[in-house]
């Protein structure tokens, strides 16, 4: 799954276009490196999101389709 798609699907960023813009602007890093929005993520990756409320999460699973608000936390773990 693409990084920008993952971020919007699990609710870390509200919209995919915003996730794409933030990634292109360097506000989202994957494993401490700048990356492209289309980069494929996998379980165990660390995503750092800068901005008004910075957060670092670990990818636990990759969703296959839409995710309900109640089940979103099983796809990532907040590190800080």
PDB file of N, CA and C in Angstrom:
ATOM      1  N   UNK A   1       0.844  -1.169   0.000  1.00  0.00           N
ATOM      2  CA  UNK A   1       0.000   0.000   0.000  1.00  0.00           C
ATOM      3  C   UNK A   1       0.898   1.243   0.000  1.00  0.00           C
ATOM      4  N   UNK A   2       0.482   2.253  -0.723  1.00  0.00           N
ATOM      5  CA  UNK A   2       1.212   3.514  -0.783  1.00  0.00           C
ATOM      6  C   UNK A   2       1.201   4.199   0.578  1.00  0.00           C
ATOM      7  N   UNK A   3       2.258   4.933   0.857  1.00  0.00           N
ATOM      8  CA  UNK A   3       2.372   5.648   2.121  1.00  0.00           C
ATOM      9  C   UNK A   3       1.228   6.631   2.316  1.00  0.00           C
ATOM     10  N   UNK A   4       0.944   7.459   1.310  1.00  0.00           N
ATOM     11  CA  UNK A   4      -0.128   8.444   1.458  1.00  0.00           C
ATOM     12  C   UNK A   4      -1.494   7.794   1.638  1.00  0.00           C
ATOM     13  N   UNK A   5      -1.721   6.684   0.964  1.00  0.00           N
ATOM     14  CA  UNK A   5      -2.974   5.951   1.099  1.00  0.00           C
ATOM     15  C   UNK A   5      -3.099   5.354   2.502  1.00  0.00           C
ATOM     16  N   UNK A   6      -2.014   4.795   3.012  1.00  0.00           N
ATOM     17  CA  UNK A   6      -2.018   4.212   4.358  1.00  0.00           C
ATOM     18  C   UNK A   6      -2.360   5.279   5.396  1.00  0.00           C
ATOM     19  N   UNK A   7      -1.704   6.430   5.299  1.00  0.00           N
ATOM     20  CA  UNK A   7      -1.925   7.494   6.268  1.00  0.00           C
ATOM     21  C   UNK A   7      -3.378   7.946   6.320  1.00  0.00           C
ATOM     22  N   UNK A   8      -4.012   8.043   5.176  1.00  0.00           N
ATOM     23  CA  UNK A   8      -5.412   8.469   5.160  1.00  0.00           C
ATOM     24  C   UNK A   8      -6.350   7.318   5.537  1.00  0.00           C
ATOM     25  N   UNK A   9      -6.040   6.100   5.146  1.00  0.00           N
ATOM     26  CA  UNK A   9      -6.907   4.957   5.442  1.00  0.00           C
ATOM     27  C   UNK A   9      -6.992   4.682   6.934  1.00  0.00           C
ATOM     28  N   UNK A  10      -5.860   4.762   7.635  1.00  0.00           N
ATOM     29  CA  UNK A  10      -5.869   4.486   9.077  1.00  0.00           C
ATOM     30  C   UNK A  10      -6.144   5.730   9.914  1.00  0.00           C
ATOM     31  N   UNK A  11      -6.357   6.875   9.273  1.00  0.00           N
ATOM     32  CA  UNK A  11      -6.790   8.080   9.967  1.00  0.00           C
ATOM     33  C   UNK A  11      -5.693   8.916  10.602  1.00  0.00           C
ATOM     34  N   UNK A  12      -4.446   8.691  10.246  1.00  0.00           N
ATOM     35  CA  UNK A  12      -3.369   9.520  10.786  1.00  0.00           C
ATOM     36  C   UNK A  12      -3.385  10.913  10.160  1.00  0.00           C
ATOM     37  N   UNK A  13      -3.800  10.995   8.904  1.00  0.00           N
ATOM     38  CA  UNK A  13      -4.004  12.260   8.194  1.00  0.00           C
ATOM     39  C   UNK A  13      -5.371  12.162   7.525  1.00  0.00           C
ATOM     40  N   UNK A  14      -6.168  13.214   7.594  1.00  0.00           N
ATOM     41  CA  UNK A  14      -7.564  13.137   7.169  1.00  0.00           C
ATOM     42  C   UNK A  14      -7.791  12.811   5.697  1.00  0.00           C
ATOM     43  N   UNK A  15      -6.994  13.405   4.821  1.00  0.00           N
ATOM     44  CA  UNK A  15      -7.216  13.208   3.389  1.00  0.00           C
ATOM     45  C   UNK A  15      -5.941  12.740   2.701  1.00  0.00           C
ATOM     46  N   UNK A  16      -6.101  11.935   1.652  1.00  0.00           N
ATOM     47  CA  UNK A  16      -4.947  11.426   0.927  1.00  0.00           C
ATOM     48  C   UNK A  16      -4.182  12.548   0.245  1.00  0.00           C
ATOM     49  N   UNK A  17      -4.872  13.541  -0.268  1.00  0.00           N
ATOM     50  CA  UNK A  17      -4.174  14.646  -0.932  1.00  0.00           C
ATOM     51  C   UNK A  17      -3.310  15.418   0.059  1.00  0.00           C
ATOM     52  N   UNK A  18      -3.809  15.587   1.273  1.00  0.00           N
ATOM     53  CA  UNK A  18      -3.024  16.260   2.308  1.00  0.00           C
ATOM     54  C   UNK A  18      -1.820  15.403   2.693  1.00  0.00           C
ATOM     55  N   UNK A  19      -2.010  14.098   2.799  1.00  0.00           N
ATOM     56  CA  UNK A  19      -0.900  13.185   3.103  1.00  0.00           C
ATOM     57  C   UNK A  19       0.158  13.257   2.007  1.00  0.00           C
ATOM     58  N   UNK A  20      -0.286  13.346   0.759  1.00  0.00           N
ATOM     59  CA  UNK A  20       0.642  13.443  -0.374  1.00  0.00           C
ATOM     60  C   UNK A  20       1.428  14.740  -0.302  1.00  0.00           C
ATOM     61  N   UNK A  21       0.746  15.856  -0.046  1.00  0.00           N
ATOM     62  CA  UNK A  21       1.406  17.161   0.039  1.00  0.00           C
ATOM     63  C   UNK A  21       2.406  17.204   1.197  1.00  0.00           C
ATOM     64  N   UNK A  22       2.016  16.647   2.339  1.00  0.00           N
ATOM     65  CA  UNK A  22       2.905  16.648   3.506  1.00  0.00           C
ATOM     66  C   UNK A  22       4.142  15.785   3.256  1.00  0.00           C
ATOM     67  N   UNK A  23       3.966  14.662   2.585  1.00  0.00           N
ATOM     68  CA  UNK A  23       5.097  13.786   2.280  1.00  0.00           C
ATOM     69  C   UNK A  23       6.037  14.460   1.298  1.00  0.00           C
ATOM     70  N   UNK A  24       5.490  15.072   0.261  1.00  0.00           N
ATOM     71  CA  UNK A  24       6.317  15.776  -0.713  1.00  0.00           C
ATOM     72  C   UNK A  24       7.043  16.961  -0.083  1.00  0.00           C
ATOM     73  N   UNK A  25       6.442  17.575   0.932  1.00  0.00           N
ATOM     74  CA  UNK A  25       7.040  18.710   1.606  1.00  0.00           C
ATOM     75  C   UNK A  25       8.044  18.328   2.688  1.00  0.00           C
ATOM     76  N   UNK A  26       8.221  17.053   2.917  1.00  0.00           N
ATOM     77  CA  UNK A  26       9.198  16.591   3.897  1.00  0.00           C
ATOM     78  C   UNK A  26       8.681  16.515   5.321  1.00  0.00           C
ATOM     79  N   UNK A  27       7.375  16.678   5.518  1.00  0.00           N
ATOM     80  CA  UNK A  27       6.806  16.604   6.859  1.00  0.00           C
ATOM     81  C   UNK A  27       6.539  15.173   7.300  1.00  0.00           C
ATOM     82  N   UNK A  28       6.536  14.244   6.366  1.00  0.00           N
ATOM     83  CA  UNK A  28       6.348  12.832   6.688  1.00  0.00           C
ATOM     84  C   UNK A  28       7.614  12.091   6.288  1.00  0.00           C
ATOM     85  N   UNK A  29       8.163  11.341   7.230  1.00  0.00           N
ATOM     86  CA  UNK A  29       9.371  10.558   6.953  1.00  0.00           C
ATOM     87  C   UNK A  29       9.091   9.090   7.233  1.00  0.00           C
ATOM     88  N   UNK A  30       9.725   8.242   6.457  1.00  0.00           N
ATOM     89  CA  UNK A  30       9.592   6.797   6.610  1.00  0.00           C
ATOM     90  C   UNK A  30      10.953   6.251   7.003  1.00  0.00           C
ATOM     91  N   UNK A  31      11.027   5.635   8.168  1.00  0.00           N
ATOM     92  CA  UNK A  31      12.281   5.097   8.689  1.00  0.00           C
ATOM     93  C   UNK A  31      13.383   6.158   8.699  1.00  0.00           C
ATOM     94  N   UNK A  32      13.026   7.358   9.177  1.00  0.00           N
ATOM     95  CA  UNK A  32      13.945   8.499   9.299  1.00  0.00           C
ATOM     96  C   UNK A  32      14.499   9.006   7.978  1.00  0.00           C
ATOM     97  N   UNK A  33      13.838   8.760   6.875  1.00  0.00           N
ATOM     98  CA  UNK A  33      14.281   9.247   5.564  1.00  0.00           C
ATOM     99  C   UNK A  33      13.105   9.886   4.838  1.00  0.00           C
ATOM    100  N   UNK A  34      13.404  10.953   4.088  1.00  0.00           N
ATOM    101  CA  UNK A  34      12.370  11.513   3.216  1.00  0.00           C
ATOM    102  C   UNK A  34      12.047  10.487   2.148  1.00  0.00           C
ATOM    103  N   UNK A  35      10.816  10.454   1.746  1.00  0.00           N
ATOM    104  CA  UNK A  35      10.388   9.486   0.753  1.00  0.00           C
ATOM    105  C   UNK A  35       9.285  10.085  -0.107  1.00  0.00           C
ATOM    106  N   UNK A  36       8.877   9.343  -1.092  1.00  0.00           N
ATOM    107  CA  UNK A  36       7.800   9.771  -1.975  1.00  0.00           C
ATOM    108  C   UNK A  36       6.468   9.239  -1.452  1.00  0.00           C
ATOM    109  N   UNK A  37       5.370   9.914  -1.791  1.00  0.00           N
ATOM    110  CA  UNK A  37       4.052   9.462  -1.329  1.00  0.00           C
ATOM    111  C   UNK A  37       3.696   8.061  -1.835  1.00  0.00           C
ATOM    112  N   UNK A  38       4.239   7.657  -2.965  1.00  0.00           N
ATOM    113  CA  UNK A  38       3.899   6.359  -3.545  1.00  0.00           C
ATOM    114  C   UNK A  38       4.761   5.219  -3.013  1.00  0.00           C
ATOM    115  N   UNK A  39       5.651   5.500  -2.068  1.00  0.00           N
ATOM    116  CA  UNK A  39       6.519   4.451  -1.520  1.00  0.00           C
ATOM    117  C   UNK A  39       5.667   3.373  -0.859  1.00  0.00           C
ATOM    118  N   UNK A  40       5.981   2.120  -1.138  1.00  0.00           N
ATOM    119  CA  UNK A  40       5.239   0.991  -0.569  1.00  0.00           C
ATOM    120  C   UNK A  40       5.712   0.751   0.863  1.00  0.00           C
ATOM    121  N   UNK A  41       4.762   0.677   1.796  1.00  0.00           N
ATOM    122  CA  UNK A  41       5.122   0.441   3.179  1.00  0.00           C
ATOM    123  C   UNK A  41       4.910  -1.018   3.539  1.00  0.00           C
ATOM    124  N   UNK A  42       5.519  -1.435   4.659  1.00  0.00           N
ATOM    125  CA  UNK A  42       5.374  -2.809   5.135  1.00  0.00           C
ATOM    126  C   UNK A  42       5.304  -2.785   6.656  1.00  0.00           C
ATOM    127  N   UNK A  43       4.907  -3.864   7.251  1.00  0.00           N
ATOM    128  CA  UNK A  43       4.846  -3.961   8.704  1.00  0.00           C
ATOM    129  C   UNK A  43       6.226  -3.738   9.292  1.00  0.00           C
ATOM    130  N   UNK A  44       6.275  -3.006  10.389  1.00  0.00           N
ATOM    131  CA  UNK A  44       7.542  -2.711  11.042  1.00  0.00           C
ATOM    132  C   UNK A  44       8.139  -1.377  10.659  1.00  0.00           C
ATOM    133  N   UNK A  45       7.629  -0.736   9.608  1.00  0.00           N
ATOM    134  CA  UNK A  45       8.127   0.581   9.214  1.00  0.00           C
ATOM    135  C   UNK A  45       7.771   1.609  10.284  1.00  0.00           C
ATOM    136  N   UNK A  46       8.624   2.618  10.433  1.00  0.00           N
ATOM    137  CA  UNK A  46       8.397   3.718  11.370  1.00  0.00           C
ATOM    138  C   UNK A  46       8.074   4.971  10.562  1.00  0.00           C
ATOM    139  N   UNK A  47       6.941   5.582  10.868  1.00  0.00           N
ATOM    140  CA  UNK A  47       6.497   6.786  10.170  1.00  0.00           C
ATOM    141  C   UNK A  47       6.535   7.951  11.151  1.00  0.00           C
ATOM    142  N   UNK A  48       7.230   9.023  10.773  1.00  0.00           N
ATOM    143  CA  UNK A  48       7.306  10.250  11.577  1.00  0.00           C
ATOM    144  C   UNK A  48       6.524  11.338  10.870  1.00  0.00           C
ATOM    145  N   UNK A  49       5.581  11.949  11.577  1.00  0.00           N
ATOM    146  CA  UNK A  49       4.771  13.015  11.005  1.00  0.00           C
ATOM    147  C   UNK A  49       5.045  14.288  11.798  1.00  0.00           C
ATOM    148  N   UNK A  50       5.568  15.317  11.129  1.00  0.00           N
ATOM    149  CA  UNK A  50       5.827  16.609  11.757  1.00  0.00           C
ATOM    150  C   UNK A  50       4.628  17.504  11.521  1.00  0.00           C
ATOM    151  N   UNK A  51       4.565  18.585  12.260  1.00  0.00           N
ATOM    152  CA  UNK A  51       3.484  19.531  12.075  1.00  0.00           C
ATOM    153  C   UNK A  51       2.987  20.037  13.409  1.00  0.00           C
ATOM    154  N   UNK A  52       1.724  20.446  13.473  1.00  0.00           N
ATOM    155  CA  UNK A  52       1.153  21.011  14.689  1.00  0.00           C
ATOM    156  C   UNK A  52       1.177  20.008  15.846  1.00  0.00           C
ATOM    157  N   UNK A  53       0.868  18.748  15.538  1.00  0.00           N
ATOM    158  CA  UNK A  53       0.924  17.688  16.554  1.00  0.00           C
ATOM    159  C   UNK A  53       1.796  16.559  16.015  1.00  0.00           C
ATOM    160  N   UNK A  54       3.118  16.652  16.244  1.00  0.00           N
ATOM    161  CA  UNK A  54       4.017  15.624  15.718  1.00  0.00           C
ATOM    162  C   UNK A  54       3.747  14.259  16.369  1.00  0.00           C
ATOM    163  N   UNK A  55       3.919  13.217  15.572  1.00  0.00           N
ATOM    164  CA  UNK A  55       3.683  11.859  16.063  1.00  0.00           C
ATOM    165  C   UNK A  55       4.620  10.893  15.340  1.00  0.00           C
ATOM    166  N   UNK A  56       5.028   9.860  16.046  1.00  0.00           N
ATOM    167  CA  UNK A  56       5.822   8.788  15.455  1.00  0.00           C
ATOM    168  C   UNK A  56       5.070   7.493  15.701  1.00  0.00           C
ATOM    169  N   UNK A  57       4.832   6.733  14.632  1.00  0.00           N
ATOM    170  CA  UNK A  57       4.086   5.484  14.755  1.00  0.00           C
ATOM    171  C   UNK A  57       4.845   4.339  14.084  1.00  0.00           C
ATOM    172  N   UNK A  58       4.545   3.136  14.540  1.00  0.00           N
ATOM    173  CA  UNK A  58       5.070   1.927  13.918  1.00  0.00           C
ATOM    174  C   UNK A  58       3.919   1.240  13.193  1.00  0.00           C
ATOM    175  N   UNK A  59       4.148   0.820  11.969  1.00  0.00           N
ATOM    176  CA  UNK A  59       3.134   0.129  11.183  1.00  0.00           C
ATOM    177  C   UNK A  59       3.032  -1.312  11.696  1.00  0.00           C
ATOM    178  N   UNK A  60       1.840  -1.711  12.138  1.00  0.00           N
ATOM    179  CA  UNK A  60       1.636  -3.069  12.634  1.00  0.00           C
ATOM    180  C   UNK A  60       1.057  -3.987  11.563  1.00  0.00           C
ATOM    181  N   UNK A  61       0.186  -3.442  10.726  1.00  0.00           N
ATOM    182  CA  UNK A  61      -0.447  -4.234   9.677  1.00  0.00           C
ATOM    183  C   UNK A  61      -0.861  -3.306   8.545  1.00  0.00           C
ATOM    184  N   UNK A  62      -1.055  -3.903   7.385  1.00  0.00           N
ATOM    185  CA  UNK A  62      -1.488  -3.159   6.204  1.00  0.00           C
ATOM    186  C   UNK A  62      -2.956  -3.497   5.946  1.00  0.00           C
ATOM    187  N   UNK A  63      -3.844  -2.487   5.952  1.00  0.00           N
ATOM    188  CA  UNK A  63      -5.257  -2.771   5.701  1.00  0.00           C
ATOM    189  C   UNK A  63      -5.521  -3.116   4.239  1.00  0.00           C
ATOM    190  N   UNK A  64      -6.535  -3.904   4.036  1.00  0.00           N
ATOM    191  CA  UNK A  64      -6.935  -4.246   2.663  1.00  0.00           C
ATOM    192  C   UNK A  64      -8.329  -3.681   2.422  1.00  0.00           C
ATOM    193  N   UNK A  65      -8.385  -2.395   2.172  1.00  0.00           N
ATOM    194  CA  UNK A  65      -9.664  -1.740   1.948  1.00  0.00           C
ATOM    195  C   UNK A  65      -9.926  -0.699   3.011  1.00  0.00           C
ATOM    196  N   UNK A  66     -11.189  -0.302   3.135  1.00  0.00           N
ATOM    197  CA  UNK A  66     -11.560   0.725   4.103  1.00  0.00           C
ATOM    198  C   UNK A  66     -11.456   0.187   5.521  1.00  0.00           C
ATOM    199  N   UNK A  67     -11.194   1.093   6.459  1.00  0.00           N
ATOM    200  CA  UNK A  67     -11.027   0.716   7.863  1.00  0.00           C
ATOM    201  C   UNK A  67     -11.986   1.556   8.700  1.00  0.00           C
ATOM    202  N   UNK A  68     -12.749   0.907   9.569  1.00  0.00           N
ATOM    203  CA  UNK A  68     -13.656   1.644  10.440  1.00  0.00           C
ATOM    204  C   UNK A  68     -12.858   2.356  11.526  1.00  0.00           C
ATOM    205  N   UNK A  69     -13.442   3.400  12.099  1.00  0.00           N
ATOM    206  CA  UNK A  69     -12.746   4.173  13.130  1.00  0.00           C
ATOM    207  C   UNK A  69     -12.379   3.301  14.327  1.00  0.00           C
ATOM    208  N   UNK A  70     -13.227   2.356  14.666  1.00  0.00           N
ATOM    209  CA  UNK A  70     -12.986   1.496  15.824  1.00  0.00           C
ATOM    210  C   UNK A  70     -11.804   0.561  15.628  1.00  0.00           C
ATOM    211  N   UNK A  71     -11.546   0.130  14.401  1.00  0.00           N
ATOM    212  CA  UNK A  71     -10.473  -0.840  14.166  1.00  0.00           C
ATOM    213  C   UNK A  71      -9.161  -0.201  13.718  1.00  0.00           C
ATOM    214  N   UNK A  72      -9.099   1.116  13.597  1.00  0.00           N
ATOM    215  CA  UNK A  72      -7.878   1.790  13.150  1.00  0.00           C
ATOM    216  C   UNK A  72      -6.669   1.526  14.042  1.00  0.00           C
ATOM    217  N   UNK A  73      -6.814   1.515  15.369  1.00  0.00           N
ATOM    218  CA  UNK A  73      -5.630   1.338  16.224  1.00  0.00           C
ATOM    219  C   UNK A  73      -4.893   0.008  16.049  1.00  0.00           C
ATOM    220  N   UNK A  74      -5.498  -0.993  15.469  1.00  0.00           N
ATOM    221  CA  UNK A  74      -4.781  -2.256  15.303  1.00  0.00           C
ATOM    222  C   UNK A  74      -3.804  -2.237  14.112  1.00  0.00           C
ATOM    223  N   UNK A  75      -3.800  -1.149  13.347  1.00  0.00           N
ATOM    224  CA  UNK A  75      -2.904  -1.043  12.195  1.00  0.00           C
ATOM    225  C   UNK A  75      -1.644  -0.246  12.488  1.00  0.00           C
ATOM    226  N   UNK A  76      -1.591   0.462  13.628  1.00  0.00           N
ATOM    227  CA  UNK A  76      -0.378   1.196  13.982  1.00  0.00           C
ATOM    228  C   UNK A  76      -0.273   1.316  15.496  1.00  0.00           C
ATOM    229  N   UNK A  77       0.970   1.548  15.965  1.00  0.00           N
ATOM    230  CA  UNK A  77       1.237   1.742  17.388  1.00  0.00           C
ATOM    231  C   UNK A  77       1.951   3.088  17.534  1.00  0.00           C
ATOM    232  N   UNK A  78       1.431   3.945  18.392  1.00  0.00           N
ATOM    233  CA  UNK A  78       2.039   5.250  18.624  1.00  0.00           C
ATOM    234  C   UNK A  78       3.267   5.070  19.505  1.00  0.00           C
ATOM    235  N   UNK A  79       4.413   5.535  18.996  1.00  0.00           N
ATOM    236  CA  UNK A  79       5.663   5.445  19.734  1.00  0.00           C
ATOM    237  C   UNK A  79       5.876   6.715  20.558  1.00  0.00           C
ATOM    238  N   UNK A  80       5.624   7.861  19.948  1.00  0.00           N
ATOM    239  CA  UNK A  80       5.680   9.135  20.690  1.00  0.00           C
ATOM    240  C   UNK A  80       4.894  10.201  19.967  1.00  0.00           C
TER     241      UNK A  80
END
